[in-house]
Amino acid sequence: FSNDELNFRAIIIDKSQLNHKAFNQDHNTFYDKMYYQLL
């Protein structure tokens, strides 16, 4: 916390909301999408 240019970011997903079938995807594809959203 004392270093201004050392930064942290996290995406938190509630797994109870997962519905891969509705989005025509598997968990690996969802994983890629979430990493993309993170970055």
PDB file of all heavy atoms in Angstrom:
ATOM      1  N   PHE A   1       0.807  -1.220   0.000  1.00  0.00           N
ATOM      2  CA  PHE A   1       0.000   0.000   0.000  1.00  0.00           C
ATOM      3  C   PHE A   1       0.844   1.275   0.000  1.00  0.00           C
ATOM      4  O   PHE A   1       0.325   2.348  -0.319  1.00  0.00           O
ATOM      5  CB  PHE A   1      -0.963  -0.007   1.185  1.00  0.00           C
ATOM      6  CG  PHE A   1      -2.209  -0.815   0.946  1.00  0.00           C
ATOM      7  CD1 PHE A   1      -2.309  -2.118   1.407  1.00  0.00           C
ATOM      8  CD2 PHE A   1      -3.276  -0.283   0.238  1.00  0.00           C
ATOM      9  CE1 PHE A   1      -3.457  -2.873   1.179  1.00  0.00           C
ATOM     10  CE2 PHE A   1      -4.427  -1.024  -0.006  1.00  0.00           C
ATOM     11  CZ  PHE A   1      -4.512  -2.325   0.469  1.00  0.00           C
ATOM     12  N   SER A   2       2.096   1.174   0.321  1.00  0.00           N
ATOM     13  CA  SER A   2       2.953   2.367   0.348  1.00  0.00           C
ATOM     14  C   SER A   2       3.605   2.652  -1.002  1.00  0.00           C
ATOM     15  O   SER A   2       4.252   3.684  -1.172  1.00  0.00           O
ATOM     16  CB  SER A   2       4.041   2.220   1.415  1.00  0.00           C
ATOM     17  OG  SER A   2       4.943   1.185   1.078  1.00  0.00           O
ATOM     18  N   ASN A   3       3.432   1.739  -1.967  1.00  0.00           N
ATOM     19  CA  ASN A   3       4.031   1.923  -3.289  1.00  0.00           C
ATOM     20  C   ASN A   3       2.951   2.261  -4.312  1.00  0.00           C
ATOM     21  O   ASN A   3       2.128   1.407  -4.672  1.00  0.00           O
ATOM     22  CB  ASN A   3       4.769   0.652  -3.711  1.00  0.00           C
ATOM     23  CG  ASN A   3       6.113   0.528  -3.029  1.00  0.00           C
ATOM     24  OD1 ASN A   3       7.127   1.006  -3.529  1.00  0.00           O
ATOM     25  ND2 ASN A   3       6.125  -0.110  -1.858  1.00  0.00           N
ATOM     26  N   ASP A   4       2.962   3.501  -4.781  1.00  0.00           N
ATOM     27  CA  ASP A   4       1.895   3.990  -5.650  1.00  0.00           C
ATOM     28  C   ASP A   4       1.789   3.234  -6.973  1.00  0.00           C
ATOM     29  O   ASP A   4       0.708   3.149  -7.550  1.00  0.00           O
ATOM     30  CB  ASP A   4       2.094   5.481  -5.943  1.00  0.00           C
ATOM     31  CG  ASP A   4       1.869   6.347  -4.717  1.00  0.00           C
ATOM     32  OD1 ASP A   4       1.187   5.867  -3.786  1.00  0.00           O
ATOM     33  OD2 ASP A   4       2.367   7.490  -4.675  1.00  0.00           O
ATOM     34  N   GLU A   5       2.899   2.709  -7.477  1.00  0.00           N
ATOM     35  CA  GLU A   5       2.863   2.067  -8.784  1.00  0.00           C
ATOM     36  C   GLU A   5       2.908   0.543  -8.681  1.00  0.00           C
ATOM     37  O   GLU A   5       3.315  -0.146  -9.616  1.00  0.00           O
ATOM     38  CB  GLU A   5       4.002   2.589  -9.655  1.00  0.00           C
ATOM     39  CG  GLU A   5       3.816   4.053 -10.041  1.00  0.00           C
ATOM     40  CD  GLU A   5       4.583   4.447 -11.269  1.00  0.00           C
ATOM     41  OE1 GLU A   5       4.052   4.240 -12.382  1.00  0.00           O
ATOM     42  OE2 GLU A   5       5.695   4.948 -11.123  1.00  0.00           O
ATOM     43  N   LEU A   6       2.452   0.050  -7.560  1.00  0.00           N
ATOM     44  CA  LEU A   6       2.260  -1.383  -7.366  1.00  0.00           C
ATOM     45  C   LEU A   6       0.757  -1.577  -7.177  1.00  0.00           C
ATOM     46  O   LEU A   6       0.198  -1.196  -6.149  1.00  0.00           O
ATOM     47  CB  LEU A   6       3.022  -1.835  -6.117  1.00  0.00           C
ATOM     48  CG  LEU A   6       3.334  -3.319  -5.925  1.00  0.00           C
ATOM     49  CD1 LEU A   6       4.113  -3.884  -7.109  1.00  0.00           C
ATOM     50  CD2 LEU A   6       4.115  -3.509  -4.638  1.00  0.00           C
ATOM     51  N   ASN A   7       0.083  -2.112  -8.201  1.00  0.00           N
ATOM     52  CA  ASN A   7      -1.377  -2.132  -8.212  1.00  0.00           C
ATOM     53  C   ASN A   7      -1.931  -3.554  -8.289  1.00  0.00           C
ATOM     54  O   ASN A   7      -1.308  -4.450  -8.871  1.00  0.00           O
ATOM     55  CB  ASN A   7      -1.908  -1.311  -9.388  1.00  0.00           C
ATOM     56  CG  ASN A   7      -1.550   0.153  -9.261  1.00  0.00           C
ATOM     57  OD1 ASN A   7      -1.572   0.717  -8.172  1.00  0.00           O
ATOM     58  ND2 ASN A   7      -1.200   0.784 -10.376  1.00  0.00           N
ATOM     59  N   PHE A   8      -3.137  -3.705  -7.738  1.00  0.00           N
ATOM     60  CA  PHE A   8      -3.798  -5.012  -7.677  1.00  0.00           C
ATOM     61  C   PHE A   8      -5.204  -4.888  -8.251  1.00  0.00           C
ATOM     62  O   PHE A   8      -5.910  -3.909  -8.015  1.00  0.00           O
ATOM     63  CB  PHE A   8      -3.880  -5.468  -6.217  1.00  0.00           C
ATOM     64  CG  PHE A   8      -4.659  -6.743  -5.994  1.00  0.00           C
ATOM     65  CD1 PHE A   8      -4.082  -7.978  -6.228  1.00  0.00           C
ATOM     66  CD2 PHE A   8      -5.970  -6.690  -5.533  1.00  0.00           C
ATOM     67  CE1 PHE A   8      -4.797  -9.158  -6.014  1.00  0.00           C
ATOM     68  CE2 PHE A   8      -6.691  -7.859  -5.314  1.00  0.00           C
ATOM     69  CZ  PHE A   8      -6.094  -9.093  -5.555  1.00  0.00           C
ATOM     70  N   ARG A   9      -5.612  -5.904  -9.002  1.00  0.00           N
ATOM     71  CA  ARG A   9      -6.990  -5.961  -9.498  1.00  0.00           C
ATOM     72  C   ARG A   9      -7.486  -7.392  -9.432  1.00  0.00           C
ATOM     73  O   ARG A   9      -6.716  -8.330  -9.704  1.00  0.00           O
ATOM     74  CB  ARG A   9      -7.097  -5.457 -10.938  1.00  0.00           C
ATOM     75  CG  ARG A   9      -8.556  -5.406 -11.420  1.00  0.00           C
ATOM     76  CD  ARG A   9      -8.703  -4.675 -12.747  1.00  0.00           C
ATOM     77  NE  ARG A   9     -10.097  -4.321 -12.966  1.00  0.00           N
ATOM     78  CZ  ARG A   9     -10.897  -4.914 -13.853  1.00  0.00           C
ATOM     79  NH1 ARG A   9     -10.438  -5.882 -14.628  1.00  0.00           N
ATOM     80  NH2 ARG A   9     -12.152  -4.535 -13.990  1.00  0.00           N
ATOM     81  N   ALA A  10      -8.752  -7.573  -9.073  1.00  0.00           N
ATOM     82  CA  ALA A  10      -9.345  -8.904  -9.026  1.00  0.00           C
ATOM     83  C   ALA A  10     -10.764  -8.878  -9.557  1.00  0.00           C
ATOM     84  O   ALA A  10     -11.493  -7.896  -9.384  1.00  0.00           O
ATOM     85  CB  ALA A  10      -9.352  -9.434  -7.592  1.00  0.00           C
ATOM     86  N   ILE A  11     -11.140  -9.956 -10.238  1.00  0.00           N
ATOM     87  CA  ILE A  11     -12.516 -10.188 -10.640  1.00  0.00           C
ATOM     88  C   ILE A  11     -13.051 -11.334  -9.787  1.00  0.00           C
ATOM     89  O   ILE A  11     -12.407 -12.382  -9.654  1.00  0.00           O
ATOM     90  CB  ILE A  11     -12.619 -10.544 -12.131  1.00  0.00           C
ATOM     91  CG1 ILE A  11     -12.448  -9.286 -12.986  1.00  0.00           C
ATOM     92  CG2 ILE A  11     -13.961 -11.192 -12.448  1.00  0.00           C
ATOM     93  CD1 ILE A  11     -12.674  -9.513 -14.461  1.00  0.00           C
ATOM     94  N   ILE A  12     -14.214 -11.114  -9.184  1.00  0.00           N
ATOM     95  CA  ILE A  12     -14.836 -12.115  -8.320  1.00  0.00           C
ATOM     96  C   ILE A  12     -16.118 -12.601  -8.979  1.00  0.00           C
ATOM     97  O   ILE A  12     -16.997 -11.797  -9.331  1.00  0.00           O
ATOM     98  CB  ILE A  12     -15.136 -11.535  -6.923  1.00  0.00           C
ATOM     99  CG1 ILE A  12     -13.833 -11.082  -6.248  1.00  0.00           C
ATOM    100  CG2 ILE A  12     -15.832 -12.562  -6.053  1.00  0.00           C
ATOM    101  CD1 ILE A  12     -13.521  -9.622  -6.412  1.00  0.00           C
ATOM    102  N   ILE A  13     -16.212 -13.917  -9.170  1.00  0.00           N
ATOM    103  CA  ILE A  13     -17.370 -14.516  -9.823  1.00  0.00           C
ATOM    104  C   ILE A  13     -18.096 -15.424  -8.833  1.00  0.00           C
ATOM    105  O   ILE A  13     -17.489 -16.338  -8.250  1.00  0.00           O
ATOM    106  CB  ILE A  13     -16.951 -15.343 -11.056  1.00  0.00           C
ATOM    107  CG1 ILE A  13     -16.202 -14.460 -12.062  1.00  0.00           C
ATOM    108  CG2 ILE A  13     -18.161 -15.997 -11.711  1.00  0.00           C
ATOM    109  CD1 ILE A  13     -14.740 -14.745 -12.174  1.00  0.00           C
ATOM    110  N   ASP A  14     -19.384 -15.179  -8.653  1.00  0.00           N
ATOM    111  CA  ASP A  14     -20.232 -16.040  -7.833  1.00  0.00           C
ATOM    112  C   ASP A  14     -20.612 -17.259  -8.679  1.00  0.00           C
ATOM    113  O   ASP A  14     -21.346 -17.148  -9.659  1.00  0.00           O
ATOM    114  CB  ASP A  14     -21.485 -15.266  -7.409  1.00  0.00           C
ATOM    115  CG  ASP A  14     -22.418 -16.080  -6.527  1.00  0.00           C
ATOM    116  OD1 ASP A  14     -22.237 -17.308  -6.424  1.00  0.00           O
ATOM    117  OD2 ASP A  14     -23.344 -15.482  -5.939  1.00  0.00           O
ATOM    118  N   LYS A  15     -20.098 -18.426  -8.319  1.00  0.00           N
ATOM    119  CA  LYS A  15     -20.295 -19.612  -9.155  1.00  0.00           C
ATOM    120  C   LYS A  15     -21.752 -20.057  -9.219  1.00  0.00           C
ATOM    121  O   LYS A  15     -22.131 -20.801 -10.139  1.00  0.00           O
ATOM    122  CB  LYS A  15     -19.425 -20.764  -8.648  1.00  0.00           C
ATOM    123  CG  LYS A  15     -17.936 -20.569  -8.879  1.00  0.00           C
ATOM    124  CD  LYS A  15     -17.205 -21.811  -8.447  1.00  0.00           C
ATOM    125  CE  LYS A  15     -15.707 -21.614  -8.499  1.00  0.00           C
ATOM    126  NZ  LYS A  15     -14.997 -22.783  -7.965  1.00  0.00           N
ATOM    127  N   SER A  16     -22.566 -19.616  -8.274  1.00  0.00           N
ATOM    128  CA  SER A  16     -23.979 -19.990  -8.323  1.00  0.00           C
ATOM    129  C   SER A  16     -24.673 -19.367  -9.530  1.00  0.00           C
ATOM    130  O   SER A  16     -25.760 -19.800  -9.925  1.00  0.00           O
ATOM    131  CB  SER A  16     -24.689 -19.573  -7.033  1.00  0.00           C
ATOM    132  OG  SER A  16     -24.803 -18.154  -6.943  1.00  0.00           O
ATOM    133  N   GLN A  17     -24.040 -18.356 -10.135  1.00  0.00           N
ATOM    134  CA  GLN A  17     -24.610 -17.688 -11.311  1.00  0.00           C
ATOM    135  C   GLN A  17     -24.149 -18.321 -12.626  1.00  0.00           C
ATOM    136  O   GLN A  17     -24.620 -17.923 -13.700  1.00  0.00           O
ATOM    137  CB  GLN A  17     -24.244 -16.212 -11.309  1.00  0.00           C
ATOM    138  CG  GLN A  17     -24.833 -15.413 -10.159  1.00  0.00           C
ATOM    139  CD  GLN A  17     -24.513 -13.925 -10.264  1.00  0.00           C
ATOM    140  OE1 GLN A  17     -23.817 -13.478 -11.170  1.00  0.00           O
ATOM    141  NE2 GLN A  17     -25.042 -13.152  -9.332  1.00  0.00           N
ATOM    142  N   LEU A  18     -23.238 -19.279 -12.554  1.00  0.00           N
ATOM    143  CA  LEU A  18     -22.725 -19.885 -13.787  1.00  0.00           C
ATOM    144  C   LEU A  18     -23.831 -20.625 -14.525  1.00  0.00           C
ATOM    145  O   LEU A  18     -24.588 -21.409 -13.939  1.00  0.00           O
ATOM    146  CB  LEU A  18     -21.587 -20.862 -13.473  1.00  0.00           C
ATOM    147  CG  LEU A  18     -20.287 -20.271 -12.910  1.00  0.00           C
ATOM    148  CD1 LEU A  18     -19.283 -21.381 -12.639  1.00  0.00           C
ATOM    149  CD2 LEU A  18     -19.701 -19.236 -13.867  1.00  0.00           C
ATOM    150  N   ASN A  19     -23.915 -20.362 -15.821  1.00  0.00           N
ATOM    151  CA  ASN A  19     -24.889 -21.051 -16.675  1.00  0.00           C
ATOM    152  C   ASN A  19     -24.298 -21.137 -18.079  1.00  0.00           C
ATOM    153  O   ASN A  19     -24.716 -20.430 -18.998  1.00  0.00           O
ATOM    154  CB  ASN A  19     -26.225 -20.301 -16.684  1.00  0.00           C
ATOM    155  CG  ASN A  19     -27.314 -21.067 -17.418  1.00  0.00           C
ATOM    156  OD1 ASN A  19     -27.078 -22.150 -17.949  1.00  0.00           O
ATOM    157  ND2 ASN A  19     -28.503 -20.500 -17.475  1.00  0.00           N
ATOM    158  N   HIS A  20     -23.291 -21.995 -18.217  1.00  0.00           N
ATOM    159  CA  HIS A  20     -22.541 -22.064 -19.471  1.00  0.00           C
ATOM    160  C   HIS A  20     -23.424 -22.496 -20.651  1.00  0.00           C
ATOM    161  O   HIS A  20     -23.237 -22.038 -21.779  1.00  0.00           O
ATOM    162  CB  HIS A  20     -21.364 -23.024 -19.323  1.00  0.00           C
ATOM    163  CG  HIS A  20     -20.359 -22.580 -18.310  1.00  0.00           C
ATOM    164  ND1 HIS A  20     -20.059 -21.259 -18.092  1.00  0.00           N
ATOM    165  CD2 HIS A  20     -19.572 -23.291 -17.449  1.00  0.00           C
ATOM    166  CE1 HIS A  20     -19.136 -21.165 -17.151  1.00  0.00           C
ATOM    167  NE2 HIS A  20     -18.838 -22.383 -16.744  1.00  0.00           N
ATOM    168  N   LYS A  21     -24.378 -23.348 -20.374  1.00  0.00           N
ATOM    169  CA  LYS A  21     -25.244 -23.844 -21.447  1.00  0.00           C
ATOM    170  C   LYS A  21     -26.017 -22.705 -22.111  1.00  0.00           C
ATOM    171  O   LYS A  21     -26.177 -22.669 -23.335  1.00  0.00           O
ATOM    172  CB  LYS A  21     -26.214 -24.879 -20.881  1.00  0.00           C
ATOM    173  CG  LYS A  21     -27.055 -25.568 -21.945  1.00  0.00           C
ATOM    174  CD  LYS A  21     -27.931 -26.657 -21.328  1.00  0.00           C
ATOM    175  CE  LYS A  21     -28.766 -27.353 -22.405  1.00  0.00           C
ATOM    176  NZ  LYS A  21     -29.630 -28.428 -21.815  1.00  0.00           N
ATOM    177  N   ALA A  22     -26.458 -21.747 -21.303  1.00  0.00           N
ATOM    178  CA  ALA A  22     -27.237 -20.625 -21.837  1.00  0.00           C
ATOM    179  C   ALA A  22     -26.416 -19.757 -22.776  1.00  0.00           C
ATOM    180  O   ALA A  22     -26.968 -19.089 -23.661  1.00  0.00           O
ATOM    181  CB  ALA A  22     -27.786 -19.782 -20.689  1.00  0.00           C
ATOM    182  N   PHE A  23     -25.101 -19.757 -22.579  1.00  0.00           N
ATOM    183  CA  PHE A  23     -24.221 -18.931 -23.412  1.00  0.00           C
ATOM    184  C   PHE A  23     -23.423 -19.764 -24.412  1.00  0.00           C
ATOM    185  O   PHE A  23     -22.478 -19.275 -25.023  1.00  0.00           O
ATOM    186  CB  PHE A  23     -23.271 -18.129 -22.521  1.00  0.00           C
ATOM    187  CG  PHE A  23     -23.961 -17.084 -21.682  1.00  0.00           C
ATOM    188  CD1 PHE A  23     -24.373 -17.378 -20.387  1.00  0.00           C
ATOM    189  CD2 PHE A  23     -24.236 -15.835 -22.197  1.00  0.00           C
ATOM    190  CE1 PHE A  23     -25.028 -16.425 -19.610  1.00  0.00           C
ATOM    191  CE2 PHE A  23     -24.880 -14.871 -21.436  1.00  0.00           C
ATOM    192  CZ  PHE A  23     -25.292 -15.169 -20.146  1.00  0.00           C
ATOM    193  N   ASN A  24     -23.823 -21.034 -24.538  1.00  0.00           N
ATOM    194  CA  ASN A  24     -23.198 -21.928 -25.516  1.00  0.00           C
ATOM    195  C   ASN A  24     -21.671 -21.955 -25.367  1.00  0.00           C
ATOM    196  O   ASN A  24     -20.931 -21.737 -26.321  1.00  0.00           O
ATOM    197  CB  ASN A  24     -23.577 -21.507 -26.944  1.00  0.00           C
ATOM    198  CG  ASN A  24     -23.228 -22.575 -27.968  1.00  0.00           C
ATOM    199  OD1 ASN A  24     -23.221 -23.762 -27.662  1.00  0.00           O
ATOM    200  ND2 ASN A  24     -22.927 -22.141 -29.183  1.00  0.00           N
ATOM    201  N   GLN A  25     -21.219 -22.214 -24.142  1.00  0.00           N
ATOM    202  CA  GLN A  25     -19.793 -22.231 -23.855  1.00  0.00           C
ATOM    203  C   GLN A  25     -19.488 -23.306 -22.814  1.00  0.00           C
ATOM    204  O   GLN A  25     -20.377 -23.800 -22.129  1.00  0.00           O
ATOM    205  CB  GLN A  25     -19.348 -20.871 -23.308  1.00  0.00           C
ATOM    206  CG  GLN A  25     -19.992 -20.532 -21.963  1.00  0.00           C
ATOM    207  CD  GLN A  25     -19.692 -19.126 -21.487  1.00  0.00           C
ATOM    208  OE1 GLN A  25     -19.157 -18.309 -22.224  1.00  0.00           O
ATOM    209  NE2 GLN A  25     -20.044 -18.821 -20.242  1.00  0.00           N
ATOM    210  N   ASP A  26     -18.211 -23.653 -22.709  1.00  0.00           N
ATOM    211  CA  ASP A  26     -17.778 -24.530 -21.623  1.00  0.00           C
ATOM    212  C   ASP A  26     -17.015 -23.685 -20.612  1.00  0.00           C
ATOM    213  O   ASP A  26     -16.831 -22.476 -20.807  1.00  0.00           O
ATOM    214  CB  ASP A  26     -16.932 -25.700 -22.142  1.00  0.00           C
ATOM    215  CG  ASP A  26     -15.682 -25.245 -22.890  1.00  0.00           C
ATOM    216  OD1 ASP A  26     -15.268 -24.064 -22.738  1.00  0.00           O
ATOM    217  OD2 ASP A  26     -15.107 -26.062 -23.621  1.00  0.00           O
ATOM    218  N   HIS A  27     -16.559 -24.311 -19.535  1.00  0.00           N
ATOM    219  CA  HIS A  27     -15.919 -23.534 -18.477  1.00  0.00           C
ATOM    220  C   HIS A  27     -14.573 -22.969 -18.932  1.00  0.00           C
ATOM    221  O   HIS A  27     -14.175 -21.885 -18.485  1.00  0.00           O
ATOM    222  CB  HIS A  27     -15.723 -24.405 -17.227  1.00  0.00           C
ATOM    223  CG  HIS A  27     -15.377 -23.612 -16.000  1.00  0.00           C
ATOM    224  ND1 HIS A  27     -16.255 -22.716 -15.417  1.00  0.00           N
ATOM    225  CD2 HIS A  27     -14.235 -23.552 -15.245  1.00  0.00           C
ATOM    226  CE1 HIS A  27     -15.685 -22.151 -14.365  1.00  0.00           C
ATOM    227  NE2 HIS A  27     -14.469 -22.641 -14.243  1.00  0.00           N
ATOM    228  N   ASN A  28     -13.881 -23.671 -19.814  1.00  0.00           N
ATOM    229  CA  ASN A  28     -12.602 -23.167 -20.312  1.00  0.00           C
ATOM    230  C   ASN A  28     -12.787 -21.880 -21.110  1.00  0.00           C
ATOM    231  O   ASN A  28     -11.990 -20.942 -20.990  1.00  0.00           O
ATOM    232  CB  ASN A  28     -11.905 -24.222 -21.172  1.00  0.00           C
ATOM    233  CG  ASN A  28     -11.357 -25.375 -20.355  1.00  0.00           C
ATOM    234  OD1 ASN A  28     -11.029 -25.197 -19.174  1.00  0.00           O
ATOM    235  ND2 ASN A  28     -11.260 -26.548 -20.950  1.00  0.00           N
ATOM    236  N   THR A  29     -13.826 -21.844 -21.927  1.00  0.00           N
ATOM    237  CA  THR A  29     -14.116 -20.624 -22.692  1.00  0.00           C
ATOM    238  C   THR A  29     -14.481 -19.488 -21.756  1.00  0.00           C
ATOM    239  O   THR A  29     -14.045 -18.340 -21.930  1.00  0.00           O
ATOM    240  CB  THR A  29     -15.264 -20.878 -23.688  1.00  0.00           C
ATOM    241  OG1 THR A  29     -14.920 -21.954 -24.546  1.00  0.00           O
ATOM    242  CG2 THR A  29     -15.551 -19.631 -24.516  1.00  0.00           C
ATOM    243  N   PHE A  30     -15.300 -19.788 -20.750  1.00  0.00           N
ATOM    244  CA  PHE A  30     -15.684 -18.780 -19.761  1.00  0.00           C
ATOM    245  C   PHE A  30     -14.447 -18.257 -19.028  1.00  0.00           C
ATOM    246  O   PHE A  30     -14.319 -17.046 -18.793  1.00  0.00           O
ATOM    247  CB  PHE A  30     -16.662 -19.393 -18.762  1.00  0.00           C
ATOM    248  CG  PHE A  30     -17.020 -18.481 -17.620  1.00  0.00           C
ATOM    249  CD1 PHE A  30     -17.902 -17.420 -17.809  1.00  0.00           C
ATOM    250  CD2 PHE A  30     -16.469 -18.675 -16.360  1.00  0.00           C
ATOM    251  CE1 PHE A  30     -18.225 -16.574 -16.757  1.00  0.00           C
ATOM    252  CE2 PHE A  30     -16.792 -17.835 -15.310  1.00  0.00           C
ATOM    253  CZ  PHE A  30     -17.667 -16.783 -15.499  1.00  0.00           C
ATOM    254  N   TYR A  31     -13.544 -19.152 -18.683  1.00  0.00           N
ATOM    255  CA  TYR A  31     -12.281 -18.793 -18.021  1.00  0.00           C
ATOM    256  C   TYR A  31     -11.513 -17.780 -18.869  1.00  0.00           C
ATOM    257  O   TYR A  31     -11.028 -16.763 -18.365  1.00  0.00           O
ATOM    258  CB  TYR A  31     -11.483 -20.069 -17.795  1.00  0.00           C
ATOM    259  CG  TYR A  31     -10.069 -19.912 -17.294  1.00  0.00           C
ATOM    260  CD1 TYR A  31      -9.789 -19.985 -15.931  1.00  0.00           C
ATOM    261  CD2 TYR A  31      -9.010 -19.747 -18.177  1.00  0.00           C
ATOM    262  CE1 TYR A  31      -8.480 -19.879 -15.466  1.00  0.00           C
ATOM    263  CE2 TYR A  31      -7.701 -19.638 -17.722  1.00  0.00           C
ATOM    264  CZ  TYR A  31      -7.452 -19.708 -16.365  1.00  0.00           C
ATOM    265  OH  TYR A  31      -6.157 -19.594 -15.914  1.00  0.00           O
ATOM    266  N   ASP A  32     -11.407 -18.039 -20.159  1.00  0.00           N
ATOM    267  CA  ASP A  32     -10.708 -17.115 -21.062  1.00  0.00           C
ATOM    268  C   ASP A  32     -11.395 -15.750 -21.087  1.00  0.00           C
ATOM    269  O   ASP A  32     -10.738 -14.704 -21.063  1.00  0.00           O
ATOM    270  CB  ASP A  32     -10.666 -17.680 -22.487  1.00  0.00           C
ATOM    271  CG  ASP A  32      -9.732 -18.866 -22.622  1.00  0.00           C
ATOM    272  OD1 ASP A  32      -8.845 -19.016 -21.764  1.00  0.00           O
ATOM    273  OD2 ASP A  32      -9.891 -19.645 -23.578  1.00  0.00           O
ATOM    274  N   LYS A  33     -12.712 -15.766 -21.128  1.00  0.00           N
ATOM    275  CA  LYS A  33     -13.470 -14.505 -21.163  1.00  0.00           C
ATOM    276  C   LYS A  33     -13.240 -13.687 -19.894  1.00  0.00           C
ATOM    277  O   LYS A  33     -13.106 -12.458 -19.948  1.00  0.00           O
ATOM    278  CB  LYS A  33     -14.958 -14.790 -21.327  1.00  0.00           C
ATOM    279  CG  LYS A  33     -15.360 -15.305 -22.701  1.00  0.00           C
ATOM    280  CD  LYS A  33     -16.859 -15.577 -22.757  1.00  0.00           C
ATOM    281  CE  LYS A  33     -17.285 -16.059 -24.132  1.00  0.00           C
ATOM    282  NZ  LYS A  33     -18.737 -16.379 -24.172  1.00  0.00           N
ATOM    283  N   MET A  34     -13.206 -14.359 -18.744  1.00  0.00           N
ATOM    284  CA  MET A  34     -13.004 -13.657 -17.483  1.00  0.00           C
ATOM    285  C   MET A  34     -11.587 -13.099 -17.377  1.00  0.00           C
ATOM    286  O   MET A  34     -11.381 -11.994 -16.870  1.00  0.00           O
ATOM    287  CB  MET A  34     -13.309 -14.582 -16.301  1.00  0.00           C
ATOM    288  CG  MET A  34     -14.778 -14.953 -16.159  1.00  0.00           C
ATOM    289  SD  MET A  34     -15.886 -13.509 -15.944  1.00  0.00           S
ATOM    290  CE  MET A  34     -16.502 -13.293 -17.633  1.00  0.00           C
ATOM    291  N   TYR A  35     -10.603 -13.851 -17.865  1.00  0.00           N
ATOM    292  CA  TYR A  35      -9.235 -13.323 -17.869  1.00  0.00           C
ATOM    293  C   TYR A  35      -9.144 -12.103 -18.786  1.00  0.00           C
ATOM    294  O   TYR A  35      -8.449 -11.130 -18.476  1.00  0.00           O
ATOM    295  CB  TYR A  35      -8.237 -14.400 -18.304  1.00  0.00           C
ATOM    296  CG  TYR A  35      -7.295 -14.805 -17.193  1.00  0.00           C
ATOM    297  CD1 TYR A  35      -7.207 -16.123 -16.784  1.00  0.00           C
ATOM    298  CD2 TYR A  35      -6.511 -13.864 -16.530  1.00  0.00           C
ATOM    299  CE1 TYR A  35      -6.360 -16.506 -15.754  1.00  0.00           C
ATOM    300  CE2 TYR A  35      -5.654 -14.232 -15.510  1.00  0.00           C
ATOM    301  CZ  TYR A  35      -5.588 -15.552 -15.120  1.00  0.00           C
ATOM    302  OH  TYR A  35      -4.755 -15.906 -14.100  1.00  0.00           O
ATOM    303  N   TYR A  36      -9.842 -12.167 -19.907  1.00  0.00           N
ATOM    304  CA  TYR A  36      -9.867 -11.020 -20.811  1.00  0.00           C
ATOM    305  C   TYR A  36     -10.482  -9.811 -20.104  1.00  0.00           C
ATOM    306  O   TYR A  36      -9.962  -8.690 -20.199  1.00  0.00           O
ATOM    307  CB  TYR A  36     -10.663 -11.362 -22.070  1.00  0.00           C
ATOM    308  CG  TYR A  36     -10.714 -10.234 -23.075  1.00  0.00           C
ATOM    309  CD1 TYR A  36      -9.677 -10.056 -23.995  1.00  0.00           C
ATOM    310  CD2 TYR A  36     -11.781  -9.343 -23.105  1.00  0.00           C
ATOM    311  CE1 TYR A  36      -9.715  -9.014 -24.910  1.00  0.00           C
ATOM    312  CE2 TYR A  36     -11.830  -8.305 -24.015  1.00  0.00           C
ATOM    313  CZ  TYR A  36     -10.793  -8.149 -24.922  1.00  0.00           C
ATOM    314  OH  TYR A  36     -10.828  -7.114 -25.818  1.00  0.00           O
ATOM    315  N   GLN A  37     -11.575 -10.024 -19.368  1.00  0.00           N
ATOM    316  CA  GLN A  37     -12.203  -8.940 -18.625  1.00  0.00           C
ATOM    317  C   GLN A  37     -11.284  -8.393 -17.537  1.00  0.00           C
ATOM    318  O   GLN A  37     -11.270  -7.189 -17.267  1.00  0.00           O
ATOM    319  CB  GLN A  37     -13.515  -9.419 -17.993  1.00  0.00           C
ATOM    320  CG  GLN A  37     -14.640  -9.651 -18.983  1.00  0.00           C
ATOM    321  CD  GLN A  37     -15.034  -8.375 -19.710  1.00  0.00           C
ATOM    322  OE1 GLN A  37     -15.066  -7.299 -19.123  1.00  0.00           O
ATOM    323  NE2 GLN A  37     -15.326  -8.501 -20.990  1.00  0.00           N
ATOM    324  N   LEU A  38     -10.524  -9.273 -16.917  1.00  0.00           N
ATOM    325  CA  LEU A  38      -9.574  -8.847 -15.890  1.00  0.00           C
ATOM    326  C   LEU A  38      -8.557  -7.869 -16.454  1.00  0.00           C
ATOM    327  O   LEU A  38      -8.230  -6.849 -15.836  1.00  0.00           O
ATOM    328  CB  LEU A  38      -8.857 -10.074 -15.314  1.00  0.00           C
ATOM    329  CG  LEU A  38      -7.723  -9.799 -14.313  1.00  0.00           C
ATOM    330  CD1 LEU A  38      -8.286  -9.292 -12.982  1.00  0.00           C
ATOM    331  CD2 LEU A  38      -6.890 -11.067 -14.091  1.00  0.00           C
ATOM    332  N   LEU A  39      -8.069  -8.159 -17.651  1.00  0.00           N
ATOM    333  CA  LEU A  39      -6.963  -7.393 -18.231  1.00  0.00           C
ATOM    334  C   LEU A  39      -7.413  -6.287 -19.179  1.00  0.00           C
ATOM    335  O   LEU A  39      -6.762  -5.242 -19.280  1.00  0.00           O
ATOM    336  CB  LEU A  39      -6.033  -8.350 -18.985  1.00  0.00           C
ATOM    337  CG  LEU A  39      -5.320  -9.395 -18.128  1.00  0.00           C
ATOM    338  CD1 LEU A  39      -4.765 -10.508 -19.007  1.00  0.00           C
ATOM    339  CD2 LEU A  39      -4.204  -8.749 -17.322  1.00  0.00           C
TER     340      LEU A  39
END
